[in-house]
Amino acid sequence: MKQMKHWQDPVSALVGVWLIFSPWVLGFQGEMNALANAVIVGLLLVATALGAIFVPRAWEEWTETALGAWAVVSPWALGFSGLKLAMYSTVAAGVVVIVLALWVLSTDKDYAGWLGQSPAR
């Protein structure tokens, strides 16, 4: 079996799983914008992270970064910032995903060109 390249990707997948189930765990399943956002972003994050686990590519990390950025701004963009638990959960998940994805992009020598760095030799 092939060894996993980045430990950050399974963590991002777990964050995605958290987002999927967070509406029921935190009790905001009745709020359609927050519910749909959490489930959709969670599913996309799980799919992207699994792709990054099995076939690592820099674009998957950038996709995770974009999903994390959306998670951070979505409570205000979709109007559920007043639901404190939903907002805190979504923003925290987004920040974690952004940090993990940028960590991979900045430390993996194979992805150096994506950040405008010259590849290490």
N, C-alpha and C. Protein backbone atom coordinates (compact mmCIF):
# COMPACT_ATOMS: atom_id res chain seq x y z
N MET A 1 0.85 -1.19 0.00
CA MET A 1 0.00 0.00 0.00
C MET A 1 0.88 1.24 0.00
N LYS A 2 0.47 2.24 -0.73
CA LYS A 2 1.19 3.50 -0.84
C LYS A 2 1.06 4.28 0.47
N GLN A 3 2.17 4.90 0.88
CA GLN A 3 2.16 5.68 2.11
C GLN A 3 1.51 7.05 1.87
N MET A 4 0.75 7.51 2.85
CA MET A 4 0.09 8.80 2.74
C MET A 4 1.14 9.92 2.72
N LYS A 5 0.93 10.91 1.86
CA LYS A 5 1.91 11.98 1.68
C LYS A 5 1.77 13.08 2.74
N HIS A 6 0.54 13.44 3.11
CA HIS A 6 0.32 14.55 4.04
C HIS A 6 -0.68 14.13 5.13
N TRP A 7 -0.28 14.25 6.38
CA TRP A 7 -1.20 13.93 7.47
C TRP A 7 -2.33 14.94 7.56
N GLN A 8 -2.16 16.12 6.98
CA GLN A 8 -3.16 17.18 7.07
C GLN A 8 -4.44 16.83 6.31
N ASP A 9 -4.34 16.00 5.27
CA ASP A 9 -5.51 15.69 4.46
C ASP A 9 -6.56 14.86 5.21
N PRO A 10 -6.18 13.82 5.95
CA PRO A 10 -7.20 13.12 6.73
C PRO A 10 -7.83 14.01 7.81
N VAL A 11 -7.05 14.94 8.35
CA VAL A 11 -7.60 15.87 9.34
C VAL A 11 -8.64 16.76 8.66
N SER A 12 -8.34 17.23 7.46
CA SER A 12 -9.30 18.05 6.72
C SER A 12 -10.56 17.25 6.39
N ALA A 13 -10.39 15.97 6.07
CA ALA A 13 -11.55 15.11 5.82
C ALA A 13 -12.41 14.99 7.08
N LEU A 14 -11.76 14.86 8.23
CA LEU A 14 -12.52 14.78 9.49
C LEU A 14 -13.24 16.09 9.79
N VAL A 15 -12.63 17.20 9.46
CA VAL A 15 -13.30 18.50 9.62
C VAL A 15 -14.54 18.53 8.72
N GLY A 16 -14.41 18.00 7.51
CA GLY A 16 -15.56 17.90 6.61
C GLY A 16 -16.67 17.04 7.20
N VAL A 17 -16.30 15.91 7.79
CA VAL A 17 -17.29 15.04 8.44
C VAL A 17 -17.97 15.81 9.58
N TRP A 18 -17.18 16.55 10.36
CA TRP A 18 -17.75 17.37 11.43
C TRP A 18 -18.79 18.34 10.85
N LEU A 19 -18.43 19.03 9.77
CA LEU A 19 -19.36 19.99 9.18
C LEU A 19 -20.67 19.30 8.76
N ILE A 20 -20.56 18.12 8.18
CA ILE A 20 -21.75 17.40 7.73
C ILE A 20 -22.70 17.12 8.89
N PHE A 21 -22.16 16.71 10.02
CA PHE A 21 -23.00 16.32 11.16
C PHE A 21 -23.25 17.43 12.16
N SER A 22 -22.53 18.55 12.04
CA SER A 22 -22.65 19.62 13.03
C SER A 22 -24.05 20.20 13.18
N PRO A 23 -24.87 20.28 12.12
CA PRO A 23 -26.22 20.82 12.34
C PRO A 23 -27.04 20.02 13.36
N TRP A 24 -26.87 18.70 13.35
CA TRP A 24 -27.62 17.86 14.28
C TRP A 24 -26.96 17.82 15.65
N VAL A 25 -25.65 17.83 15.67
CA VAL A 25 -24.92 17.82 16.95
C VAL A 25 -25.15 19.13 17.71
N LEU A 26 -25.12 20.24 16.98
CA LEU A 26 -25.24 21.56 17.62
C LEU A 26 -26.65 22.12 17.61
N GLY A 27 -27.58 21.41 16.96
CA GLY A 27 -28.99 21.78 17.02
C GLY A 27 -29.44 22.89 16.10
N PHE A 28 -28.79 23.07 14.96
CA PHE A 28 -29.27 24.09 14.03
C PHE A 28 -29.79 23.47 12.73
N GLN A 29 -30.26 22.23 12.81
CA GLN A 29 -30.77 21.54 11.63
C GLN A 29 -32.04 22.18 11.08
N GLY A 30 -32.72 23.01 11.84
CA GLY A 30 -33.92 23.69 11.38
C GLY A 30 -33.64 24.95 10.58
N GLU A 31 -32.42 25.38 10.54
CA GLU A 31 -32.03 26.60 9.82
C GLU A 31 -31.45 26.19 8.46
N MET A 32 -32.26 26.33 7.43
CA MET A 32 -31.92 25.76 6.12
C MET A 32 -30.60 26.29 5.54
N ASN A 33 -30.33 27.59 5.61
CA ASN A 33 -29.09 28.12 5.05
C ASN A 33 -27.87 27.52 5.74
N ALA A 34 -27.90 27.50 7.06
CA ALA A 34 -26.77 26.96 7.83
C ALA A 34 -26.63 25.46 7.61
N LEU A 35 -27.75 24.75 7.59
CA LEU A 35 -27.74 23.30 7.37
C LEU A 35 -27.19 22.96 6.00
N ALA A 36 -27.74 23.56 4.95
CA ALA A 36 -27.31 23.25 3.59
C ALA A 36 -25.84 23.60 3.39
N ASN A 37 -25.43 24.74 3.91
CA ASN A 37 -24.04 25.15 3.78
C ASN A 37 -23.10 24.15 4.45
N ALA A 38 -23.42 23.77 5.68
CA ALA A 38 -22.56 22.83 6.41
C ALA A 38 -22.45 21.49 5.68
N VAL A 39 -23.58 20.98 5.22
CA VAL A 39 -23.57 19.67 4.55
C VAL A 39 -22.84 19.74 3.21
N ILE A 40 -23.13 20.75 2.42
CA ILE A 40 -22.50 20.86 1.09
C ILE A 40 -21.00 21.10 1.21
N VAL A 41 -20.61 22.06 2.05
CA VAL A 41 -19.17 22.33 2.23
C VAL A 41 -18.49 21.11 2.83
N GLY A 42 -19.13 20.45 3.77
CA GLY A 42 -18.56 19.25 4.37
C GLY A 42 -18.34 18.14 3.36
N LEU A 43 -19.34 17.89 2.51
CA LEU A 43 -19.21 16.86 1.48
C LEU A 43 -18.10 17.19 0.48
N LEU A 44 -18.06 18.46 0.05
CA LEU A 44 -17.00 18.86 -0.89
C LEU A 44 -15.62 18.74 -0.24
N LEU A 45 -15.55 19.09 1.02
CA LEU A 45 -14.27 19.00 1.72
C LEU A 45 -13.83 17.55 1.88
N VAL A 46 -14.74 16.66 2.24
CA VAL A 46 -14.40 15.24 2.36
C VAL A 46 -13.93 14.70 1.01
N ALA A 47 -14.66 15.02 -0.05
CA ALA A 47 -14.28 14.53 -1.39
C ALA A 47 -12.91 15.05 -1.80
N THR A 48 -12.66 16.33 -1.58
CA THR A 48 -11.38 16.92 -1.96
C THR A 48 -10.24 16.35 -1.12
N ALA A 49 -10.47 16.21 0.17
CA ALA A 49 -9.43 15.67 1.05
C ALA A 49 -9.13 14.21 0.72
N LEU A 50 -10.15 13.44 0.42
CA LEU A 50 -9.91 12.04 0.02
C LEU A 50 -9.12 11.98 -1.28
N GLY A 51 -9.46 12.86 -2.21
CA GLY A 51 -8.68 12.93 -3.45
C GLY A 51 -7.23 13.26 -3.16
N ALA A 52 -7.00 14.18 -2.23
CA ALA A 52 -5.63 14.58 -1.87
C ALA A 52 -4.90 13.45 -1.15
N ILE A 53 -5.62 12.61 -0.46
CA ILE A 53 -4.99 11.47 0.22
C ILE A 53 -4.53 10.44 -0.82
N PHE A 54 -5.39 10.12 -1.78
CA PHE A 54 -5.10 9.04 -2.71
C PHE A 54 -4.31 9.47 -3.94
N VAL A 55 -4.52 10.69 -4.42
CA VAL A 55 -3.79 11.21 -5.58
C VAL A 55 -3.43 12.67 -5.28
N PRO A 56 -2.38 12.88 -4.48
CA PRO A 56 -2.05 14.24 -4.05
C PRO A 56 -1.67 15.17 -5.19
N ARG A 57 -2.34 16.31 -5.25
CA ARG A 57 -2.06 17.35 -6.23
C ARG A 57 -2.24 18.70 -5.54
N ALA A 58 -1.50 19.68 -5.99
CA ALA A 58 -1.57 21.01 -5.38
C ALA A 58 -2.95 21.63 -5.53
N TRP A 59 -3.63 21.41 -6.65
CA TRP A 59 -4.93 22.02 -6.85
C TRP A 59 -5.93 21.58 -5.80
N GLU A 60 -5.76 20.37 -5.26
CA GLU A 60 -6.67 19.91 -4.20
C GLU A 60 -6.48 20.73 -2.93
N GLU A 61 -5.23 21.08 -2.65
CA GLU A 61 -4.97 21.93 -1.48
C GLU A 61 -5.54 23.33 -1.68
N TRP A 62 -5.43 23.84 -2.91
CA TRP A 62 -6.02 25.15 -3.20
C TRP A 62 -7.54 25.09 -3.11
N THR A 63 -8.12 23.97 -3.53
CA THR A 63 -9.57 23.80 -3.42
C THR A 63 -9.98 23.76 -1.95
N GLU A 64 -9.20 23.05 -1.13
CA GLU A 64 -9.48 23.03 0.30
C GLU A 64 -9.37 24.44 0.89
N THR A 65 -8.38 25.21 0.44
CA THR A 65 -8.22 26.58 0.91
C THR A 65 -9.46 27.40 0.56
N ALA A 66 -9.93 27.27 -0.67
CA ALA A 66 -11.12 28.01 -1.10
C ALA A 66 -12.36 27.59 -0.31
N LEU A 67 -12.51 26.29 -0.07
CA LEU A 67 -13.65 25.82 0.73
C LEU A 67 -13.56 26.36 2.16
N GLY A 68 -12.34 26.39 2.71
CA GLY A 68 -12.16 26.95 4.04
C GLY A 68 -12.49 28.43 4.08
N ALA A 69 -12.07 29.16 3.06
CA ALA A 69 -12.35 30.60 2.99
C ALA A 69 -13.87 30.83 2.90
N TRP A 70 -14.53 30.01 2.09
CA TRP A 70 -15.99 30.13 2.00
C TRP A 70 -16.62 29.85 3.37
N ALA A 71 -16.15 28.82 4.05
CA ALA A 71 -16.70 28.50 5.36
C ALA A 71 -16.55 29.67 6.33
N VAL A 72 -15.44 30.38 6.24
CA VAL A 72 -15.21 31.53 7.13
C VAL A 72 -16.20 32.65 6.85
N VAL A 73 -16.48 32.95 5.60
CA VAL A 73 -17.35 34.09 5.27
C VAL A 73 -18.83 33.70 5.13
N SER A 74 -19.13 32.43 5.00
CA SER A 74 -20.50 32.00 4.71
C SER A 74 -21.54 32.41 5.76
N PRO A 75 -21.22 32.44 7.05
CA PRO A 75 -22.28 32.86 7.99
C PRO A 75 -22.82 34.26 7.68
N TRP A 76 -21.97 35.16 7.23
CA TRP A 76 -22.40 36.52 6.89
C TRP A 76 -22.99 36.56 5.49
N ALA A 77 -22.38 35.83 4.56
CA ALA A 77 -22.87 35.82 3.18
C ALA A 77 -24.26 35.19 3.08
N LEU A 78 -24.52 34.18 3.90
CA LEU A 78 -25.80 33.47 3.84
C LEU A 78 -26.76 33.89 4.95
N GLY A 79 -26.33 34.79 5.81
CA GLY A 79 -27.24 35.36 6.81
C GLY A 79 -27.51 34.50 8.03
N PHE A 80 -26.56 33.65 8.43
CA PHE A 80 -26.78 32.90 9.66
C PHE A 80 -25.75 33.23 10.74
N SER A 81 -25.16 34.41 10.67
CA SER A 81 -24.17 34.80 11.68
C SER A 81 -24.80 34.98 13.06
N GLY A 82 -26.11 35.16 13.12
CA GLY A 82 -26.81 35.28 14.40
C GLY A 82 -26.95 33.95 15.13
N LEU A 83 -26.78 32.86 14.42
CA LEU A 83 -26.80 31.53 15.04
C LEU A 83 -25.39 31.25 15.52
N LYS A 84 -25.12 31.60 16.77
CA LYS A 84 -23.73 31.61 17.26
C LYS A 84 -23.04 30.26 17.12
N LEU A 85 -23.69 29.17 17.52
CA LEU A 85 -23.02 27.86 17.42
C LEU A 85 -22.71 27.49 15.97
N ALA A 86 -23.66 27.74 15.09
CA ALA A 86 -23.43 27.44 13.67
C ALA A 86 -22.30 28.31 13.12
N MET A 87 -22.32 29.58 13.48
CA MET A 87 -21.29 30.50 13.00
C MET A 87 -19.92 30.11 13.53
N TYR A 88 -19.81 29.89 14.84
CA TYR A 88 -18.52 29.53 15.42
C TYR A 88 -17.98 28.23 14.84
N SER A 89 -18.84 27.24 14.70
CA SER A 89 -18.42 25.94 14.16
C SER A 89 -17.94 26.07 12.73
N THR A 90 -18.69 26.78 11.91
CA THR A 90 -18.34 26.92 10.49
C THR A 90 -17.06 27.73 10.31
N VAL A 91 -16.94 28.82 11.05
CA VAL A 91 -15.74 29.66 10.94
C VAL A 91 -14.51 28.90 11.45
N ALA A 92 -14.64 28.22 12.58
CA ALA A 92 -13.51 27.46 13.12
C ALA A 92 -13.07 26.36 12.15
N ALA A 93 -14.05 25.65 11.58
CA ALA A 93 -13.72 24.61 10.61
C ALA A 93 -12.99 25.21 9.41
N GLY A 94 -13.46 26.34 8.94
CA GLY A 94 -12.82 27.00 7.81
C GLY A 94 -11.39 27.41 8.10
N VAL A 95 -11.17 27.97 9.28
CA VAL A 95 -9.81 28.40 9.66
C VAL A 95 -8.88 27.19 9.73
N VAL A 96 -9.35 26.11 10.33
CA VAL A 96 -8.52 24.90 10.44
C VAL A 96 -8.16 24.38 9.05
N VAL A 97 -9.11 24.32 8.16
CA VAL A 97 -8.87 23.80 6.81
C VAL A 97 -7.89 24.71 6.05
N ILE A 98 -8.07 26.02 6.17
CA ILE A 98 -7.15 26.95 5.50
C ILE A 98 -5.73 26.75 6.01
N VAL A 99 -5.57 26.70 7.32
CA VAL A 99 -4.23 26.53 7.90
C VAL A 99 -3.60 25.22 7.43
N LEU A 100 -4.36 24.13 7.46
CA LEU A 100 -3.80 22.84 7.05
C LEU A 100 -3.42 22.83 5.57
N ALA A 101 -4.28 23.36 4.72
CA ALA A 101 -4.01 23.35 3.28
C ALA A 101 -2.81 24.24 2.94
N LEU A 102 -2.75 25.42 3.54
CA LEU A 102 -1.60 26.31 3.28
C LEU A 102 -0.31 25.73 3.85
N TRP A 103 -0.43 24.99 4.94
CA TRP A 103 0.73 24.32 5.52
C TRP A 103 1.30 23.33 4.51
N VAL A 104 0.43 22.52 3.92
CA VAL A 104 0.88 21.54 2.92
C VAL A 104 1.50 22.27 1.73
N LEU A 105 0.83 23.29 1.24
CA LEU A 105 1.34 24.02 0.07
C LEU A 105 2.70 24.67 0.35
N SER A 106 2.92 25.11 1.57
CA SER A 106 4.17 25.80 1.87
C SER A 106 5.31 24.87 2.25
N THR A 107 5.01 23.62 2.60
CA THR A 107 6.07 22.71 3.04
C THR A 107 6.38 21.59 2.05
N ASP A 108 5.49 21.32 1.11
CA ASP A 108 5.73 20.24 0.15
C ASP A 108 6.55 20.78 -1.02
N LYS A 109 7.76 20.27 -1.18
CA LYS A 109 8.65 20.76 -2.23
C LYS A 109 8.07 20.53 -3.63
N ASP A 110 7.21 19.53 -3.78
CA ASP A 110 6.58 19.27 -5.08
C ASP A 110 5.57 20.35 -5.47
N TYR A 111 5.09 21.11 -4.48
CA TYR A 111 4.09 22.14 -4.74
C TYR A 111 4.69 23.54 -4.73
N ALA A 112 5.98 23.66 -4.66
CA ALA A 112 6.64 24.96 -4.49
C ALA A 112 6.26 25.95 -5.59
N GLY A 113 6.11 25.51 -6.82
CA GLY A 113 5.78 26.40 -7.92
C GLY A 113 4.42 27.06 -7.78
N TRP A 114 3.51 26.44 -7.01
CA TRP A 114 2.17 26.99 -6.82
C TRP A 114 2.18 28.24 -5.95
N LEU A 115 3.20 28.41 -5.15
CA LEU A 115 3.29 29.58 -4.28
C LEU A 115 4.28 30.59 -4.80
N GLY A 116 4.74 30.43 -6.02
CA GLY A 116 5.69 31.37 -6.60
C GLY A 116 7.10 31.14 -6.13
N GLN A 117 7.35 30.00 -5.51
CA GLN A 117 8.70 29.66 -5.06
C GLN A 117 9.35 28.78 -6.12
N SER A 118 10.66 28.83 -6.16
CA SER A 118 11.34 27.91 -7.06
C SER A 118 11.48 26.57 -6.34
N PRO A 119 11.28 25.48 -7.03
CA PRO A 119 11.34 24.16 -6.39
C PRO A 119 12.72 23.91 -5.77
N ALA A 120 12.71 23.27 -4.62
CA ALA A 120 13.96 22.90 -3.95
C ALA A 120 14.62 21.79 -4.75
N ARG A 121 15.90 21.85 -4.84
CA ARG A 121 16.62 20.80 -5.58
C ARG A 121 17.53 20.04 -4.68
